[in-house]
């Protein structure tokens, strides 16, 4: 409540008190017109008091209702903003959890080692590349974690070399990248540069919406660099 509104309420309260006091002392009077012989009924102090009291009460009630409405609108706006922010953070966390669960499901299904991850169609399904002996198996995992189709392919020589050198898992590389860059996970794969092997994790940056590639060392899990 602001200062001017508080002063107005104080004035209304004082006026009501004085009005009630006057009503206790007042009474109805009838005046007679001695010239014309007709009597004229004057409005009694009590009736005047009742009208004034009713008007003041209505004004005070209206003022209180307006203030409560403003307070309610402010509280609702703050709640919606908080919920929206929470909803965004929760969505990213759920996406990462689903991706890590898809990696685990694909490895359990094939008995191999995951090295690639792709957001299949944007509806929560993932395609996971898994090394099984000397071949690559692409495993599709649905939004509920259920393994769908699998498809065999040749294992690339660079991917095989990267997996031989790796001391961390694909899931650990994903977590390291998202700890470095705040955003939405897109995909991950093995990459080779000048004889060095990295997990390259693509992230849609939250602040700008740009795609950022985060290179994570396959041996120690350190973030080597980020490419926008």
C-alpha atoms as a PDB file:
ATOM      1  CA  UNK A   1       0.000   0.000   0.000  1.00  0.00           C
ATOM      2  CA  UNK A   2       1.425   3.460  -0.916  1.00  0.00           C
ATOM      3  CA  UNK A   3       1.481   6.510   1.416  1.00  0.00           C
ATOM      4  CA  UNK A   4      -1.321   8.452  -0.308  1.00  0.00           C
ATOM      5  CA  UNK A   5      -3.627   5.457  -0.158  1.00  0.00           C
ATOM      6  CA  UNK A   6      -2.890   4.994   3.553  1.00  0.00           C
ATOM      7  CA  UNK A   7      -3.711   8.683   4.228  1.00  0.00           C
ATOM      8  CA  UNK A   8      -6.995   8.358   2.363  1.00  0.00           C
ATOM      9  CA  UNK A   9      -7.977   5.307   4.395  1.00  0.00           C
ATOM     10  CA  UNK A  10      -7.104   7.158   7.613  1.00  0.00           C
ATOM     11  CA  UNK A  11      -9.301  10.069   6.601  1.00  0.00           C
ATOM     12  CA  UNK A  12     -12.165   7.736   5.746  1.00  0.00           C
ATOM     13  CA  UNK A  13     -11.869   5.989   9.089  1.00  0.00           C
ATOM     14  CA  UNK A  14     -11.936   9.329  10.964  1.00  0.00           C
ATOM     15  CA  UNK A  15     -14.945  10.516   8.966  1.00  0.00           C
ATOM     16  CA  UNK A  16     -16.816   7.295   9.703  1.00  0.00           C
ATOM     17  CA  UNK A  17     -16.117   7.650  13.428  1.00  0.00           C
ATOM     18  CA  UNK A  18     -17.381  11.231  13.501  1.00  0.00           C
ATOM     19  CA  UNK A  19     -20.445  10.291  11.441  1.00  0.00           C
ATOM     20  CA  UNK A  20     -21.388   7.484  13.793  1.00  0.00           C
ATOM     21  CA  UNK A  21     -21.050   9.845  16.757  1.00  0.00           C
ATOM     22  CA  UNK A  22     -23.318  12.386  15.119  1.00  0.00           C
ATOM     23  CA  UNK A  23     -25.916   9.719  14.325  1.00  0.00           C
ATOM     24  CA  UNK A  24     -26.119   8.808  17.983  1.00  0.00           C
ATOM     25  CA  UNK A  25     -27.039  12.384  18.904  1.00  0.00           C
ATOM     26  CA  UNK A  26     -29.339  13.201  15.957  1.00  0.00           C
ATOM     27  CA  UNK A  27     -33.088  12.864  15.632  1.00  0.00           C
ATOM     28  CA  UNK A  28     -35.836  13.600  13.151  1.00  0.00           C
ATOM     29  CA  UNK A  29     -37.294  17.152  13.077  1.00  0.00           C
ATOM     30  CA  UNK A  30     -40.431  18.482  11.448  1.00  0.00           C
ATOM     31  CA  UNK A  31     -40.696  22.205  10.616  1.00  0.00           C
ATOM     32  CA  UNK A  32     -43.989  24.040  10.032  1.00  0.00           C
ATOM     33  CA  UNK A  33     -44.346  26.856   7.541  1.00  0.00           C
ATOM     34  CA  UNK A  34     -46.258  29.398   9.657  1.00  0.00           C
ATOM     35  CA  UNK A  35     -47.086  31.557   6.665  1.00  0.00           C
ATOM     36  CA  UNK A  36     -48.668  28.958   4.432  1.00  0.00           C
ATOM     37  CA  UNK A  37     -49.900  26.661   7.133  1.00  0.00           C
ATOM     38  CA  UNK A  38     -48.374  23.647   5.471  1.00  0.00           C
ATOM     39  CA  UNK A  39     -45.794  21.527   7.191  1.00  0.00           C
ATOM     40  CA  UNK A  40     -42.481  20.794   5.454  1.00  0.00           C
ATOM     41  CA  UNK A  41     -40.556  17.609   6.293  1.00  0.00           C
ATOM     42  CA  UNK A  42     -36.831  18.290   6.635  1.00  0.00           C
ATOM     43  CA  UNK A  43     -34.266  15.572   6.119  1.00  0.00           C
ATOM     44  CA  UNK A  44     -33.193  14.318   9.513  1.00  0.00           C
ATOM     45  CA  UNK A  45     -29.493  14.283  10.581  1.00  0.00           C
ATOM     46  CA  UNK A  46     -29.805  10.535  10.955  1.00  0.00           C
ATOM     47  CA  UNK A  47     -30.766  10.082   7.284  1.00  0.00           C
ATOM     48  CA  UNK A  48     -27.930  12.372   6.184  1.00  0.00           C
ATOM     49  CA  UNK A  49     -25.523  10.422   8.329  1.00  0.00           C
ATOM     50  CA  UNK A  50     -26.645   7.090   6.879  1.00  0.00           C
ATOM     51  CA  UNK A  51     -26.149   8.344   3.297  1.00  0.00           C
ATOM     52  CA  UNK A  52     -22.685   9.695   4.069  1.00  0.00           C
ATOM     53  CA  UNK A  53     -21.713   6.499   5.844  1.00  0.00           C
ATOM     54  CA  UNK A  54     -22.853   4.378   2.902  1.00  0.00           C
ATOM     55  CA  UNK A  55     -20.925   6.529   0.406  1.00  0.00           C
ATOM     56  CA  UNK A  56     -17.705   6.374   2.464  1.00  0.00           C
ATOM     57  CA  UNK A  57     -18.017   2.626   2.957  1.00  0.00           C
ATOM     58  CA  UNK A  58     -18.468   2.047  -0.788  1.00  0.00           C
ATOM     59  CA  UNK A  59     -15.399   4.190  -1.553  1.00  0.00           C
ATOM     60  CA  UNK A  60     -13.251   2.337   0.990  1.00  0.00           C
ATOM     61  CA  UNK A  61     -14.401  -1.057  -0.315  1.00  0.00           C
ATOM     62  CA  UNK A  62     -13.666  -0.089  -3.926  1.00  0.00           C
ATOM     63  CA  UNK A  63     -10.199   1.131  -2.984  1.00  0.00           C
ATOM     64  CA  UNK A  64      -9.388  -2.086  -1.113  1.00  0.00           C
ATOM     65  CA  UNK A  65     -10.637  -4.221  -4.021  1.00  0.00           C
ATOM     66  CA  UNK A  66      -8.457  -2.330  -6.524  1.00  0.00           C
ATOM     67  CA  UNK A  67      -5.398  -2.782  -4.326  1.00  0.00           C
ATOM     68  CA  UNK A  68      -6.031  -6.524  -3.887  1.00  0.00           C
ATOM     69  CA  UNK A  69      -6.446  -6.907  -7.672  1.00  0.00           C
ATOM     70  CA  UNK A  70      -3.133  -5.143  -8.336  1.00  0.00           C
ATOM     71  CA  UNK A  71      -1.351  -7.327  -5.759  1.00  0.00           C
ATOM     72  CA  UNK A  72      -2.860 -10.495  -7.231  1.00  0.00           C
ATOM     73  CA  UNK A  73      -1.781  -9.529 -10.763  1.00  0.00           C
ATOM     74  CA  UNK A  74       1.791  -8.844  -9.583  1.00  0.00           C
ATOM     75  CA  UNK A  75       2.013 -12.179  -7.757  1.00  0.00           C
ATOM     76  CA  UNK A  76       0.639 -14.049 -10.796  1.00  0.00           C
ATOM     77  CA  UNK A  77       3.169 -12.424 -13.130  1.00  0.00           C
ATOM     78  CA  UNK A  78       6.068 -13.345 -10.842  1.00  0.00           C
ATOM     79  CA  UNK A  79       4.838 -16.937 -10.566  1.00  0.00           C
ATOM     80  CA  UNK A  80       4.534 -17.307 -14.347  1.00  0.00           C
ATOM     81  CA  UNK A  81       8.062 -15.947 -14.894  1.00  0.00           C
ATOM     82  CA  UNK A  82       9.481 -18.315 -12.289  1.00  0.00           C
ATOM     83  CA  UNK A  83       7.648 -21.282 -13.789  1.00  0.00           C
ATOM     84  CA  UNK A  84       8.826 -20.414 -17.282  1.00  0.00           C
ATOM     85  CA  UNK A  85      12.455 -20.251 -16.145  1.00  0.00           C
ATOM     86  CA  UNK A  86      12.143 -23.507 -14.248  1.00  0.00           C
ATOM     87  CA  UNK A  87      10.483 -25.179 -17.201  1.00  0.00           C
ATOM     88  CA  UNK A  88      13.438 -24.196 -19.533  1.00  0.00           C
ATOM     89  CA  UNK A  89      16.078 -25.473 -17.112  1.00  0.00           C
ATOM     90  CA  UNK A  90      14.150 -28.655 -16.483  1.00  0.00           C
ATOM     91  CA  UNK A  91      13.770 -29.324 -20.240  1.00  0.00           C
ATOM     92  CA  UNK A  92      17.541 -29.213 -20.859  1.00  0.00           C
ATOM     93  CA  UNK A  93      18.212 -31.476 -17.896  1.00  0.00           C
ATOM     94  CA  UNK A  94      15.633 -33.996 -19.105  1.00  0.00           C
ATOM     95  CA  UNK A  95      17.169 -33.977 -22.593  1.00  0.00           C
ATOM     96  CA  UNK A  96      20.654 -34.763 -21.261  1.00  0.00           C
ATOM     97  CA  UNK A  97      19.283 -37.486 -18.996  1.00  0.00           C
ATOM     98  CA  UNK A  98      17.467 -39.061 -21.970  1.00  0.00           C
ATOM     99  CA  UNK A  99      20.638 -38.932 -24.096  1.00  0.00           C
ATOM    100  CA  UNK A 100      22.744 -40.622 -21.414  1.00  0.00           C
ATOM    101  CA  UNK A 101      20.043 -43.237 -20.917  1.00  0.00           C
ATOM    102  CA  UNK A 102      20.010 -43.885 -24.685  1.00  0.00           C
ATOM    103  CA  UNK A 103      23.782 -44.455 -24.671  1.00  0.00           C
ATOM    104  CA  UNK A 104      23.451 -46.970 -21.837  1.00  0.00           C
ATOM    105  CA  UNK A 105      20.541 -48.767 -23.527  1.00  0.00           C
ATOM    106  CA  UNK A 106      22.437 -49.058 -26.836  1.00  0.00           C
ATOM    107  CA  UNK A 107      25.556 -50.440 -25.150  1.00  0.00           C
ATOM    108  CA  UNK A 108      23.515 -52.977 -23.192  1.00  0.00           C
ATOM    109  CA  UNK A 109      21.646 -54.043 -26.319  1.00  0.00           C
ATOM    110  CA  UNK A 110      24.802 -54.656 -28.374  1.00  0.00           C
ATOM    111  CA  UNK A 111      27.449 -55.365 -25.745  1.00  0.00           C
ATOM    112  CA  UNK A 112      29.664 -52.726 -27.390  1.00  0.00           C
ATOM    113  CA  UNK A 113      31.075 -49.231 -26.740  1.00  0.00           C
ATOM    114  CA  UNK A 114      29.194 -46.104 -27.809  1.00  0.00           C
ATOM    115  CA  UNK A 115      31.136 -43.444 -29.693  1.00  0.00           C
ATOM    116  CA  UNK A 116      28.512 -41.412 -31.571  1.00  0.00           C
ATOM    117  CA  UNK A 117      25.193 -39.779 -30.697  1.00  0.00           C
ATOM    118  CA  UNK A 118      22.627 -37.926 -32.794  1.00  0.00           C
ATOM    119  CA  UNK A 119      19.274 -36.314 -32.003  1.00  0.00           C
ATOM    120  CA  UNK A 120      17.371 -38.400 -34.548  1.00  0.00           C
ATOM    121  CA  UNK A 121      14.250 -36.369 -35.279  1.00  0.00           C
ATOM    122  CA  UNK A 122      13.834 -33.824 -32.522  1.00  0.00           C
ATOM    123  CA  UNK A 123      11.109 -35.748 -30.689  1.00  0.00           C
ATOM    124  CA  UNK A 124      13.318 -37.286 -28.004  1.00  0.00           C
ATOM    125  CA  UNK A 125      14.611 -40.282 -30.002  1.00  0.00           C
ATOM    126  CA  UNK A 126      18.369 -40.845 -30.360  1.00  0.00           C
ATOM    127  CA  UNK A 127      20.627 -42.690 -32.779  1.00  0.00           C
ATOM    128  CA  UNK A 128      23.670 -44.144 -31.046  1.00  0.00           C
ATOM    129  CA  UNK A 129      26.743 -45.489 -32.876  1.00  0.00           C
ATOM    130  CA  UNK A 130      28.299 -48.422 -31.053  1.00  0.00           C
ATOM    131  CA  UNK A 131      31.519 -50.325 -31.752  1.00  0.00           C
ATOM    132  CA  UNK A 132      30.951 -54.056 -31.607  1.00  0.00           C
ATOM    133  CA  UNK A 133      34.189 -55.962 -32.322  1.00  0.00           C
ATOM    134  CA  UNK A 134      35.288 -54.791 -35.795  1.00  0.00           C
ATOM    135  CA  UNK A 135      31.989 -53.306 -36.929  1.00  0.00           C
ATOM    136  CA  UNK A 136      29.747 -50.338 -36.156  1.00  0.00           C
ATOM    137  CA  UNK A 137      26.128 -50.754 -35.098  1.00  0.00           C
ATOM    138  CA  UNK A 138      23.648 -47.897 -35.260  1.00  0.00           C
ATOM    139  CA  UNK A 139      21.015 -48.272 -32.547  1.00  0.00           C
ATOM    140  CA  UNK A 140      17.829 -46.244 -32.465  1.00  0.00           C
ATOM    141  CA  UNK A 141      16.477 -45.540 -28.982  1.00  0.00           C
ATOM    142  CA  UNK A 142      13.003 -44.082 -28.507  1.00  0.00           C
ATOM    143  CA  UNK A 143      11.988 -41.256 -26.141  1.00  0.00           C
ATOM    144  CA  UNK A 144      10.953 -43.825 -23.539  1.00  0.00           C
ATOM    145  CA  UNK A 145      14.367 -45.556 -23.658  1.00  0.00           C
ATOM    146  CA  UNK A 146      13.120 -48.504 -25.701  1.00  0.00           C
ATOM    147  CA  UNK A 147      15.580 -49.883 -28.259  1.00  0.00           C
ATOM    148  CA  UNK A 148      14.183 -49.921 -31.772  1.00  0.00           C
ATOM    149  CA  UNK A 149      15.970 -50.965 -34.948  1.00  0.00           C
ATOM    150  CA  UNK A 150      19.685 -51.680 -35.237  1.00  0.00           C
ATOM    151  CA  UNK A 151      21.787 -51.438 -38.401  1.00  0.00           C
ATOM    152  CA  UNK A 152      25.290 -52.825 -38.975  1.00  0.00           C
ATOM    153  CA  UNK A 153      27.971 -50.897 -40.860  1.00  0.00           C
ATOM    154  CA  UNK A 154      31.729 -50.843 -41.324  1.00  0.00           C
ATOM    155  CA  UNK A 155      33.789 -49.331 -38.537  1.00  0.00           C
ATOM    156  CA  UNK A 156      35.867 -46.358 -39.708  1.00  0.00           C
ATOM    157  CA  UNK A 157      39.609 -46.685 -39.085  1.00  0.00           C
ATOM    158  CA  UNK A 158      39.856 -43.279 -37.348  1.00  0.00           C
ATOM    159  CA  UNK A 159      36.941 -44.187 -35.067  1.00  0.00           C
ATOM    160  CA  UNK A 160      38.602 -47.489 -34.180  1.00  0.00           C
ATOM    161  CA  UNK A 161      41.878 -45.699 -33.369  1.00  0.00           C
ATOM    162  CA  UNK A 162      40.048 -43.122 -31.262  1.00  0.00           C
ATOM    163  CA  UNK A 163      38.256 -45.791 -29.281  1.00  0.00           C
ATOM    164  CA  UNK A 164      41.528 -47.650 -28.719  1.00  0.00           C
ATOM    165  CA  UNK A 165      43.018 -44.445 -27.267  1.00  0.00           C
ATOM    166  CA  UNK A 166      39.965 -43.417 -25.237  1.00  0.00           C
ATOM    167  CA  UNK A 167      40.074 -43.466 -21.442  1.00  0.00           C
ATOM    168  CA  UNK A 168      36.687 -41.828 -20.974  1.00  0.00           C
ATOM    169  CA  UNK A 169      33.217 -42.780 -22.182  1.00  0.00           C
ATOM    170  CA  UNK A 170      30.976 -40.934 -24.619  1.00  0.00           C
ATOM    171  CA  UNK A 171      28.641 -40.074 -21.748  1.00  0.00           C
ATOM    172  CA  UNK A 172      31.478 -38.507 -19.765  1.00  0.00           C
ATOM    173  CA  UNK A 173      32.463 -36.432 -22.788  1.00  0.00           C
ATOM    174  CA  UNK A 174      28.890 -35.152 -23.125  1.00  0.00           C
ATOM    175  CA  UNK A 175      28.776 -34.130 -19.467  1.00  0.00           C
ATOM    176  CA  UNK A 176      32.152 -32.366 -19.727  1.00  0.00           C
ATOM    177  CA  UNK A 177      31.011 -30.405 -22.791  1.00  0.00           C
ATOM    178  CA  UNK A 178      27.751 -29.266 -21.192  1.00  0.00           C
ATOM    179  CA  UNK A 179      29.629 -28.217 -18.064  1.00  0.00           C
ATOM    180  CA  UNK A 180      31.713 -25.959 -20.332  1.00  0.00           C
ATOM    181  CA  UNK A 181      28.907 -24.566 -22.546  1.00  0.00           C
ATOM    182  CA  UNK A 182      25.378 -23.850 -21.362  1.00  0.00           C
ATOM    183  CA  UNK A 183      22.953 -25.050 -23.995  1.00  0.00           C
ATOM    184  CA  UNK A 184      21.006 -27.859 -25.628  1.00  0.00           C
ATOM    185  CA  UNK A 185      22.750 -31.090 -26.605  1.00  0.00           C
ATOM    186  CA  UNK A 186      22.597 -31.777 -30.340  1.00  0.00           C
ATOM    187  CA  UNK A 187      25.026 -34.584 -31.231  1.00  0.00           C
ATOM    188  CA  UNK A 188      28.446 -36.088 -30.488  1.00  0.00           C
ATOM    189  CA  UNK A 189      31.068 -38.004 -32.462  1.00  0.00           C
ATOM    190  CA  UNK A 190      34.712 -39.066 -32.530  1.00  0.00           C
ATOM    191  CA  UNK A 191      37.084 -36.753 -34.392  1.00  0.00           C
ATOM    192  CA  UNK A 192      40.788 -36.850 -35.259  1.00  0.00           C
ATOM    193  CA  UNK A 193      43.146 -33.883 -35.746  1.00  0.00           C
ATOM    194  CA  UNK A 194      46.885 -34.242 -36.356  1.00  0.00           C
ATOM    195  CA  UNK A 195      46.933 -37.686 -34.838  1.00  0.00           C
ATOM    196  CA  UNK A 196      45.004 -36.575 -31.734  1.00  0.00           C
ATOM    197  CA  UNK A 197      41.543 -37.934 -30.977  1.00  0.00           C
ATOM    198  CA  UNK A 198      38.635 -36.028 -29.442  1.00  0.00           C
ATOM    199  CA  UNK A 199      34.971 -36.387 -28.727  1.00  0.00           C
ATOM    200  CA  UNK A 200      33.295 -33.479 -30.521  1.00  0.00           C
ATOM    201  CA  UNK A 201      30.045 -32.518 -28.800  1.00  0.00           C
ATOM    202  CA  UNK A 202      27.720 -30.090 -30.589  1.00  0.00           C
ATOM    203  CA  UNK A 203      25.709 -27.780 -28.323  1.00  0.00           C
ATOM    204  CA  UNK A 204      23.109 -25.128 -29.169  1.00  0.00           C
ATOM    205  CA  UNK A 205      24.177 -22.244 -26.926  1.00  0.00           C
ATOM    206  CA  UNK A 206      21.348 -21.012 -24.693  1.00  0.00           C
ATOM    207  CA  UNK A 207      22.400 -17.357 -24.572  1.00  0.00           C
ATOM    208  CA  UNK A 208      22.791 -16.753 -28.322  1.00  0.00           C
ATOM    209  CA  UNK A 209      21.280 -19.750 -30.090  1.00  0.00           C
ATOM    210  CA  UNK A 210      24.547 -20.404 -31.952  1.00  0.00           C
ATOM    211  CA  UNK A 211      25.922 -23.907 -32.474  1.00  0.00           C
ATOM    212  CA  UNK A 212      29.137 -24.579 -30.559  1.00  0.00           C
ATOM    213  CA  UNK A 213      31.406 -27.603 -31.052  1.00  0.00           C
ATOM    214  CA  UNK A 214      33.162 -28.602 -27.843  1.00  0.00           C
ATOM    215  CA  UNK A 215      36.264 -30.775 -28.252  1.00  0.00           C
ATOM    216  CA  UNK A 216      36.924 -33.105 -25.333  1.00  0.00           C
ATOM    217  CA  UNK A 217      40.188 -35.050 -24.986  1.00  0.00           C
ATOM    218  CA  UNK A 218      39.409 -38.789 -25.185  1.00  0.00           C
ATOM    219  CA  UNK A 219      42.176 -39.635 -22.697  1.00  0.00           C
ATOM    220  CA  UNK A 220      41.666 -37.248 -19.789  1.00  0.00           C
ATOM    221  CA  UNK A 221      38.239 -35.672 -20.418  1.00  0.00           C
ATOM    222  CA  UNK A 222      39.571 -32.104 -20.583  1.00  0.00           C
ATOM    223  CA  UNK A 223      37.869 -29.571 -22.830  1.00  0.00           C
ATOM    224  CA  UNK A 224      40.515 -28.671 -25.420  1.00  0.00           C
ATOM    225  CA  UNK A 225      38.618 -25.873 -27.141  1.00  0.00           C
ATOM    226  CA  UNK A 226      35.238 -24.648 -28.348  1.00  0.00           C
ATOM    227  CA  UNK A 227      34.470 -23.730 -31.977  1.00  0.00           C
ATOM    228  CA  UNK A 228      31.511 -21.474 -32.812  1.00  0.00           C
END
